[in-house]
C-alpha cells in the first residue's frame, strides 16, 4: 500500500513536468532556455507539528494540543519564470502530528505523508547569495505513522471513514493545505530555510459522518538545510 502511494505521487510529478515541457503553446527554444536554468535541490530538517483539533459535541472534549517533533526529507526542482520569480514543485516525505490532551488522557498522533508542494518563489539578490520567499499549495497522502494513548501504541490506518475498532488510530489519507516559506541560499547552493504548513483538510477519520463534529487539521513549523545544484 505504501509503495502504491509513493508510485502514484511520483507519477503525478513526472506527468506534470512532462506536460509542461511538451505544451504546444511554448516554443522549443523557450523550453530549452528554461531547462538550462532549472536547478535541482535536496532538503532535510525538523518539523514542529501541532493540530487544530476539537470535538465540541463530545463529553470528552479535547481542550489542548501539544506539539510533536519530527523531520522531513525531500527534493525540489526550481523552474525560473523571470529573473526574480520561479516555480518550485517537489516531493517530500514529512512527519506531522500532535499530542491531544483530553480528560481521559493524552493521544499522540505521528502521521507521515508523502507530499507534493508547488510553491511560487520570489528571489532577491542579497550579499553572497539570495533571499527567497514564497507560498503555494500542497497535496499529501498518508503512507504510515503511529498512534499512542493510555492503552498502548498502534499503527495509524489511512483511508478509513469511520473508526473501525472503536479507537482513534484512523485518519483520512488525503491532506491538502498551504505552504509558506522563507530562506537564504549562498552562491554555492547551500541554503537554510524555514516554513509553515497550514492544513485545510479535516483528516479526522469520522468527520463528515452525521452528528459527528470532530476536527483534526495538520499544521507545523519547519526548519532545515538544503543544497541546490
C-alpha atoms as a PDB file:
ATOM      1  CA  UNK A   1       0.000   0.000   0.000  1.00  0.00           C
ATOM      2  CA  UNK A   2       2.814   2.412   0.867  1.00  0.00           C
ATOM      3  CA  UNK A   3       4.651   1.653  -2.384  1.00  0.00           C
ATOM      4  CA  UNK A   4       1.464   2.189  -4.398  1.00  0.00           C
ATOM      5  CA  UNK A   5       1.029   5.644  -2.873  1.00  0.00           C
ATOM      6  CA  UNK A   6       4.679   6.541  -3.495  1.00  0.00           C
ATOM      7  CA  UNK A   7       4.355   5.396  -7.113  1.00  0.00           C
ATOM      8  CA  UNK A   8       1.128   7.375  -7.582  1.00  0.00           C
ATOM      9  CA  UNK A   9       2.579  10.650  -6.331  1.00  0.00           C
ATOM     10  CA  UNK A  10       5.822  10.153  -8.257  1.00  0.00           C
ATOM     11  CA  UNK A  11       3.819   9.563 -11.431  1.00  0.00           C
ATOM     12  CA  UNK A  12       1.834  12.767 -10.876  1.00  0.00           C
ATOM     13  CA  UNK A  13       5.049  14.782 -10.566  1.00  0.00           C
ATOM     14  CA  UNK A  14       6.610  13.234 -13.677  1.00  0.00           C
ATOM     15  CA  UNK A  15       3.465  13.713 -15.768  1.00  0.00           C
ATOM     16  CA  UNK A  16       3.180  17.345 -14.672  1.00  0.00           C
ATOM     17  CA  UNK A  17       6.774  18.102 -15.667  1.00  0.00           C
ATOM     18  CA  UNK A  18       6.374  16.281 -18.976  1.00  0.00           C
ATOM     19  CA  UNK A  19       3.179  18.180 -19.807  1.00  0.00           C
ATOM     20  CA  UNK A  20       4.881  21.478 -19.010  1.00  0.00           C
ATOM     21  CA  UNK A  21       7.792  20.714 -21.323  1.00  0.00           C
ATOM     22  CA  UNK A  22       5.585  19.486 -24.178  1.00  0.00           C
ATOM     23  CA  UNK A  23       2.997  22.265 -24.075  1.00  0.00           C
ATOM     24  CA  UNK A  24       2.398  23.283 -27.700  1.00  0.00           C
ATOM     25  CA  UNK A  25       1.996  26.903 -26.636  1.00  0.00           C
ATOM     26  CA  UNK A  26       5.644  27.038 -25.519  1.00  0.00           C
ATOM     27  CA  UNK A  27       8.355  27.181 -28.167  1.00  0.00           C
ATOM     28  CA  UNK A  28      11.129  24.605 -28.119  1.00  0.00           C
ATOM     29  CA  UNK A  29      13.664  27.424 -27.740  1.00  0.00           C
ATOM     30  CA  UNK A  30      11.921  28.714 -24.632  1.00  0.00           C
ATOM     31  CA  UNK A  31      11.742  25.203 -23.189  1.00  0.00           C
ATOM     32  CA  UNK A  32      15.475  24.757 -23.757  1.00  0.00           C
ATOM     33  CA  UNK A  33      16.198  28.091 -22.075  1.00  0.00           C
ATOM     34  CA  UNK A  34      14.075  27.185 -19.076  1.00  0.00           C
ATOM     35  CA  UNK A  35      15.699  23.755 -18.790  1.00  0.00           C
ATOM     36  CA  UNK A  36      19.147  25.329 -18.988  1.00  0.00           C
ATOM     37  CA  UNK A  37      18.393  27.465 -15.937  1.00  0.00           C
ATOM     38  CA  UNK A  38      16.477  24.872 -13.929  1.00  0.00           C
ATOM     39  CA  UNK A  39      18.123  23.773 -10.715  1.00  0.00           C
ATOM     40  CA  UNK A  40      17.566  20.710  -8.578  1.00  0.00           C
ATOM     41  CA  UNK A  41      17.765  20.533  -4.843  1.00  0.00           C
ATOM     42  CA  UNK A  42      17.612  18.311  -1.800  1.00  0.00           C
ATOM     43  CA  UNK A  43      16.418  19.350   1.628  1.00  0.00           C
ATOM     44  CA  UNK A  44      16.049  17.967   5.131  1.00  0.00           C
ATOM     45  CA  UNK A  45      15.188  19.306   8.544  1.00  0.00           C
ATOM     46  CA  UNK A  46      12.965  19.256  11.597  1.00  0.00           C
ATOM     47  CA  UNK A  47       9.231  19.759  11.902  1.00  0.00           C
ATOM     48  CA  UNK A  48       7.435  21.086  14.960  1.00  0.00           C
ATOM     49  CA  UNK A  49       3.906  19.901  14.364  1.00  0.00           C
ATOM     50  CA  UNK A  50       0.594  20.519  16.049  1.00  0.00           C
ATOM     51  CA  UNK A  51      -3.049  20.247  15.093  1.00  0.00           C
ATOM     52  CA  UNK A  52      -6.145  22.380  15.224  1.00  0.00           C
ATOM     53  CA  UNK A  53      -8.336  19.816  16.967  1.00  0.00           C
ATOM     54  CA  UNK A  54     -11.718  19.952  18.617  1.00  0.00           C
ATOM     55  CA  UNK A  55     -14.773  17.816  19.239  1.00  0.00           C
ATOM     56  CA  UNK A  56     -17.442  20.123  20.711  1.00  0.00           C
ATOM     57  CA  UNK A  57     -20.162  17.502  20.561  1.00  0.00           C
ATOM     58  CA  UNK A  58     -18.302  15.034  22.782  1.00  0.00           C
ATOM     59  CA  UNK A  59     -18.364  14.595  26.551  1.00  0.00           C
ATOM     60  CA  UNK A  60     -14.580  14.096  26.340  1.00  0.00           C
ATOM     61  CA  UNK A  61     -13.972  17.374  24.541  1.00  0.00           C
ATOM     62  CA  UNK A  62     -10.253  17.922  23.891  1.00  0.00           C
ATOM     63  CA  UNK A  63      -9.067  21.235  25.257  1.00  0.00           C
ATOM     64  CA  UNK A  64      -5.369  21.468  24.331  1.00  0.00           C
ATOM     65  CA  UNK A  65      -2.813  20.176  21.864  1.00  0.00           C
ATOM     66  CA  UNK A  66       0.929  19.834  22.412  1.00  0.00           C
ATOM     67  CA  UNK A  67       3.430  19.957  19.561  1.00  0.00           C
ATOM     68  CA  UNK A  68       5.484  16.948  18.481  1.00  0.00           C
ATOM     69  CA  UNK A  69       8.899  16.987  16.810  1.00  0.00           C
ATOM     70  CA  UNK A  70       9.593  15.031  13.632  1.00  0.00           C
ATOM     71  CA  UNK A  71      11.576  15.567  10.433  1.00  0.00           C
ATOM     72  CA  UNK A  72      11.311  15.792   6.661  1.00  0.00           C
ATOM     73  CA  UNK A  73      13.385  14.783   3.642  1.00  0.00           C
ATOM     74  CA  UNK A  74      12.754  15.708   0.043  1.00  0.00           C
ATOM     75  CA  UNK A  75      13.750  17.081  -3.311  1.00  0.00           C
ATOM     76  CA  UNK A  76      12.716  20.060  -5.433  1.00  0.00           C
ATOM     77  CA  UNK A  77      13.040  21.392  -8.958  1.00  0.00           C
ATOM     78  CA  UNK A  78      13.314  25.166  -9.320  1.00  0.00           C
ATOM     79  CA  UNK A  79      11.859  26.397 -12.625  1.00  0.00           C
ATOM     80  CA  UNK A  80      12.658  30.055 -13.410  1.00  0.00           C
ATOM     81  CA  UNK A  81       9.865  32.210 -14.813  1.00  0.00           C
ATOM     82  CA  UNK A  82      11.567  35.590 -14.560  1.00  0.00           C
ATOM     83  CA  UNK A  83      14.885  36.621 -13.043  1.00  0.00           C
ATOM     84  CA  UNK A  84      13.212  37.209  -9.677  1.00  0.00           C
ATOM     85  CA  UNK A  85      10.399  34.646  -9.868  1.00  0.00           C
ATOM     86  CA  UNK A  86      10.344  30.858 -10.042  1.00  0.00           C
ATOM     87  CA  UNK A  87       8.021  27.903  -9.572  1.00  0.00           C
ATOM     88  CA  UNK A  88       9.266  25.116  -7.335  1.00  0.00           C
ATOM     89  CA  UNK A  89       7.470  21.756  -7.303  1.00  0.00           C
ATOM     90  CA  UNK A  90       8.827  18.980  -5.146  1.00  0.00           C
ATOM     91  CA  UNK A  91       8.333  15.661  -3.425  1.00  0.00           C
ATOM     92  CA  UNK A  92       8.746  15.396   0.351  1.00  0.00           C
ATOM     93  CA  UNK A  93       8.418  12.707   2.999  1.00  0.00           C
ATOM     94  CA  UNK A  94       7.283  14.641   6.058  1.00  0.00           C
ATOM     95  CA  UNK A  95       6.298  13.854   9.634  1.00  0.00           C
ATOM     96  CA  UNK A  96       3.361  15.698  11.171  1.00  0.00           C
ATOM     97  CA  UNK A  97       1.042  15.105  14.116  1.00  0.00           C
ATOM     98  CA  UNK A  98       0.081  16.334  17.544  1.00  0.00           C
ATOM     99  CA  UNK A  99      -0.425  15.263  21.129  1.00  0.00           C
ATOM    100  CA  UNK A 100      -4.060  15.868  22.019  1.00  0.00           C
ATOM    101  CA  UNK A 101      -4.709  16.446  25.713  1.00  0.00           C
ATOM    102  CA  UNK A 102      -8.111  15.343  26.965  1.00  0.00           C
ATOM    103  CA  UNK A 103      -9.984  14.497  30.122  1.00  0.00           C
ATOM    104  CA  UNK A 104      -9.414  10.769  29.513  1.00  0.00           C
ATOM    105  CA  UNK A 105      -5.696  11.014  28.846  1.00  0.00           C
ATOM    106  CA  UNK A 106      -3.369  12.104  26.080  1.00  0.00           C
ATOM    107  CA  UNK A 107      -3.492  10.859  22.498  1.00  0.00           C
ATOM    108  CA  UNK A 108      -0.363  11.224  20.356  1.00  0.00           C
ATOM    109  CA  UNK A 109      -0.599  11.121  16.566  1.00  0.00           C
ATOM    110  CA  UNK A 110       2.573  10.760  14.483  1.00  0.00           C
ATOM    111  CA  UNK A 111       1.424  10.506  10.838  1.00  0.00           C
ATOM    112  CA  UNK A 112       3.816  10.535   7.884  1.00  0.00           C
ATOM    113  CA  UNK A 113       2.857  11.920   4.494  1.00  0.00           C
ATOM    114  CA  UNK A 114       4.312  11.809   1.017  1.00  0.00           C
ATOM    115  CA  UNK A 115       3.710  15.375  -0.053  1.00  0.00           C
ATOM    116  CA  UNK A 116       3.796  17.311  -3.336  1.00  0.00           C
ATOM    117  CA  UNK A 117       4.245  21.060  -2.750  1.00  0.00           C
ATOM    118  CA  UNK A 118       4.113  23.561  -5.621  1.00  0.00           C
ATOM    119  CA  UNK A 119       5.464  26.901  -4.428  1.00  0.00           C
ATOM    120  CA  UNK A 120       5.862  30.217  -6.228  1.00  0.00           C
ATOM    121  CA  UNK A 121       9.076  31.891  -5.047  1.00  0.00           C
ATOM    122  CA  UNK A 122      10.426  35.398  -5.147  1.00  0.00           C
ATOM    123  CA  UNK A 123      14.232  35.638  -5.330  1.00  0.00           C
ATOM    124  CA  UNK A 124      16.202  38.728  -4.300  1.00  0.00           C
ATOM    125  CA  UNK A 125      19.982  39.056  -4.559  1.00  0.00           C
ATOM    126  CA  UNK A 126      21.411  39.812  -1.102  1.00  0.00           C
ATOM    127  CA  UNK A 127      25.146  39.678  -0.328  1.00  0.00           C
ATOM    128  CA  UNK A 128      26.886  36.421  -1.339  1.00  0.00           C
ATOM    129  CA  UNK A 129      23.609  34.745  -2.211  1.00  0.00           C
ATOM    130  CA  UNK A 130      19.883  35.305  -2.488  1.00  0.00           C
ATOM    131  CA  UNK A 131      16.880  35.665  -0.222  1.00  0.00           C
ATOM    132  CA  UNK A 132      13.903  33.571  -1.287  1.00  0.00           C
ATOM    133  CA  UNK A 133      10.329  33.601  -0.063  1.00  0.00           C
ATOM    134  CA  UNK A 134       7.044  32.264  -1.302  1.00  0.00           C
ATOM    135  CA  UNK A 135       3.920  30.221  -0.857  1.00  0.00           C
ATOM    136  CA  UNK A 136       1.833  27.612  -2.577  1.00  0.00           C
ATOM    137  CA  UNK A 137      -0.468  24.628  -2.171  1.00  0.00           C
ATOM    138  CA  UNK A 138       0.464  21.096  -1.224  1.00  0.00           C
ATOM    139  CA  UNK A 139      -1.131  17.693  -1.652  1.00  0.00           C
ATOM    140  CA  UNK A 140      -0.191  14.920   0.756  1.00  0.00           C
ATOM    141  CA  UNK A 141      -1.083  11.243   1.051  1.00  0.00           C
ATOM    142  CA  UNK A 142      -0.660   9.404   4.340  1.00  0.00           C
ATOM    143  CA  UNK A 143       1.767   6.496   3.997  1.00  0.00           C
ATOM    144  CA  UNK A 144       2.484   5.292   7.539  1.00  0.00           C
ATOM    145  CA  UNK A 145       2.549   6.501  11.136  1.00  0.00           C
ATOM    146  CA  UNK A 146       1.982   5.714  14.769  1.00  0.00           C
ATOM    147  CA  UNK A 147      -0.642   6.433  17.416  1.00  0.00           C
ATOM    148  CA  UNK A 148      -0.263   6.191  21.186  1.00  0.00           C
ATOM    149  CA  UNK A 149      -2.643   6.544  24.120  1.00  0.00           C
ATOM    150  CA  UNK A 150      -3.054   5.097  27.605  1.00  0.00           C
ATOM    151  CA  UNK A 151      -3.939   1.693  26.112  1.00  0.00           C
ATOM    152  CA  UNK A 152      -0.700   1.388  24.147  1.00  0.00           C
ATOM    153  CA  UNK A 153       0.697   2.014  20.675  1.00  0.00           C
ATOM    154  CA  UNK A 154      -0.886   1.227  17.316  1.00  0.00           C
ATOM    155  CA  UNK A 155      -0.276   1.846  13.634  1.00  0.00           C
ATOM    156  CA  UNK A 156      -2.232   4.663  12.018  1.00  0.00           C
ATOM    157  CA  UNK A 157      -4.623   3.355   9.378  1.00  0.00           C
ATOM    158  CA  UNK A 158      -5.331   5.672   6.457  1.00  0.00           C
ATOM    159  CA  UNK A 159      -8.267   5.888   4.111  1.00  0.00           C
ATOM    160  CA  UNK A 160     -10.974   4.966   6.605  1.00  0.00           C
ATOM    161  CA  UNK A 161     -14.158   6.968   7.010  1.00  0.00           C
ATOM    162  CA  UNK A 162     -15.109   5.600  10.406  1.00  0.00           C
ATOM    163  CA  UNK A 163     -13.267   4.313  13.421  1.00  0.00           C
ATOM    164  CA  UNK A 164     -13.339   0.601  12.661  1.00  0.00           C
ATOM    165  CA  UNK A 165     -12.354  -0.737  16.048  1.00  0.00           C
ATOM    166  CA  UNK A 166     -13.638   1.916  18.430  1.00  0.00           C
ATOM    167  CA  UNK A 167     -10.205   3.524  18.840  1.00  0.00           C
ATOM    168  CA  UNK A 168      -8.816   6.712  17.358  1.00  0.00           C
ATOM    169  CA  UNK A 169      -5.909   5.486  15.225  1.00  0.00           C
ATOM    170  CA  UNK A 170      -7.691   6.073  11.898  1.00  0.00           C
ATOM    171  CA  UNK A 171      -7.084   9.119   9.689  1.00  0.00           C
ATOM    172  CA  UNK A 172      -8.214  10.082   6.219  1.00  0.00           C
ATOM    173  CA  UNK A 173      -5.382   9.603   3.753  1.00  0.00           C
ATOM    174  CA  UNK A 174      -5.609  12.911   1.864  1.00  0.00           C
ATOM    175  CA  UNK A 175      -4.167  16.121   3.340  1.00  0.00           C
ATOM    176  CA  UNK A 176      -4.421  19.381   1.375  1.00  0.00           C
ATOM    177  CA  UNK A 177      -3.124  22.734   2.541  1.00  0.00           C
ATOM    178  CA  UNK A 178      -0.873  25.747   2.036  1.00  0.00           C
ATOM    179  CA  UNK A 179       2.874  26.243   2.481  1.00  0.00           C
ATOM    180  CA  UNK A 180       4.686  29.459   3.368  1.00  0.00           C
ATOM    181  CA  UNK A 181       8.481  29.595   3.293  1.00  0.00           C
ATOM    182  CA  UNK A 182      11.463  31.887   3.748  1.00  0.00           C
ATOM    183  CA  UNK A 183      15.147  31.156   3.289  1.00  0.00           C
ATOM    184  CA  UNK A 184      18.598  32.258   2.231  1.00  0.00           C
ATOM    185  CA  UNK A 185      20.808  30.498  -0.301  1.00  0.00           C
ATOM    186  CA  UNK A 186      24.534  31.031  -0.828  1.00  0.00           C
ATOM    187  CA  UNK A 187      26.003  31.151  -4.318  1.00  0.00           C
ATOM    188  CA  UNK A 188      27.451  27.651  -3.785  1.00  0.00           C
ATOM    189  CA  UNK A 189      23.906  26.252  -3.422  1.00  0.00           C
ATOM    190  CA  UNK A 190      23.834  25.734   0.343  1.00  0.00           C
ATOM    191  CA  UNK A 191      20.685  27.157   1.910  1.00  0.00           C
ATOM    192  CA  UNK A 192      18.843  27.442   5.190  1.00  0.00           C
ATOM    193  CA  UNK A 193      15.089  27.710   5.181  1.00  0.00           C
ATOM    194  CA  UNK A 194      12.057  27.801   7.410  1.00  0.00           C
ATOM    195  CA  UNK A 195       8.395  27.321   6.696  1.00  0.00           C
ATOM    196  CA  UNK A 196       4.858  26.995   7.931  1.00  0.00           C
ATOM    197  CA  UNK A 197       2.347  24.415   6.736  1.00  0.00           C
ATOM    198  CA  UNK A 198      -1.360  25.072   7.190  1.00  0.00           C
ATOM    199  CA  UNK A 199      -3.622  22.082   6.658  1.00  0.00           C
ATOM    200  CA  UNK A 200      -7.036  22.862   5.194  1.00  0.00           C
ATOM    201  CA  UNK A 201      -8.382  19.313   5.194  1.00  0.00           C
ATOM    202  CA  UNK A 202     -10.105  17.777   8.189  1.00  0.00           C
ATOM    203  CA  UNK A 203      -8.319  14.421   8.382  1.00  0.00           C
ATOM    204  CA  UNK A 204     -10.313  13.090  11.349  1.00  0.00           C
ATOM    205  CA  UNK A 205     -11.453   9.649  10.199  1.00  0.00           C
ATOM    206  CA  UNK A 206     -15.057  10.002  11.291  1.00  0.00           C
ATOM    207  CA  UNK A 207     -15.595  13.634  10.233  1.00  0.00           C
ATOM    208  CA  UNK A 208     -18.461  14.079   7.826  1.00  0.00           C
ATOM    209  CA  UNK A 209     -20.490  11.309   9.451  1.00  0.00           C
ATOM    210  CA  UNK A 210     -23.915  12.534  10.524  1.00  0.00           C
ATOM    211  CA  UNK A 211     -23.823  14.018  14.013  1.00  0.00           C
ATOM    212  CA  UNK A 212     -20.026  13.999  14.280  1.00  0.00           C
ATOM    213  CA  UNK A 213     -18.165  17.308  14.574  1.00  0.00           C
ATOM    214  CA  UNK A 214     -14.610  16.053  15.125  1.00  0.00           C
ATOM    215  CA  UNK A 215     -11.852  18.109  13.535  1.00  0.00           C
ATOM    216  CA  UNK A 216      -8.133  17.425  13.094  1.00  0.00           C
ATOM    217  CA  UNK A 217      -6.190  19.743  10.766  1.00  0.00           C
ATOM    218  CA  UNK A 218      -2.420  19.482  10.434  1.00  0.00           C
ATOM    219  CA  UNK A 219      -0.203  22.497  10.994  1.00  0.00           C
ATOM    220  CA  UNK A 220       3.541  22.781  11.525  1.00  0.00           C
ATOM    221  CA  UNK A 221       6.658  24.914  11.554  1.00  0.00           C
ATOM    222  CA  UNK A 222       9.785  23.589   9.850  1.00  0.00           C
ATOM    223  CA  UNK A 223      13.464  24.479   9.873  1.00  0.00           C
ATOM    224  CA  UNK A 224      16.099  22.870   7.703  1.00  0.00           C
ATOM    225  CA  UNK A 225      19.059  22.880   5.346  1.00  0.00           C
ATOM    226  CA  UNK A 226      19.186  22.298   1.622  1.00  0.00           C
ATOM    227  CA  UNK A 227      21.535  22.174  -1.316  1.00  0.00           C
ATOM    228  CA  UNK A 228      20.822  23.252  -4.901  1.00  0.00           C
ATOM    229  CA  UNK A 229      22.809  22.026  -7.897  1.00  0.00           C
END
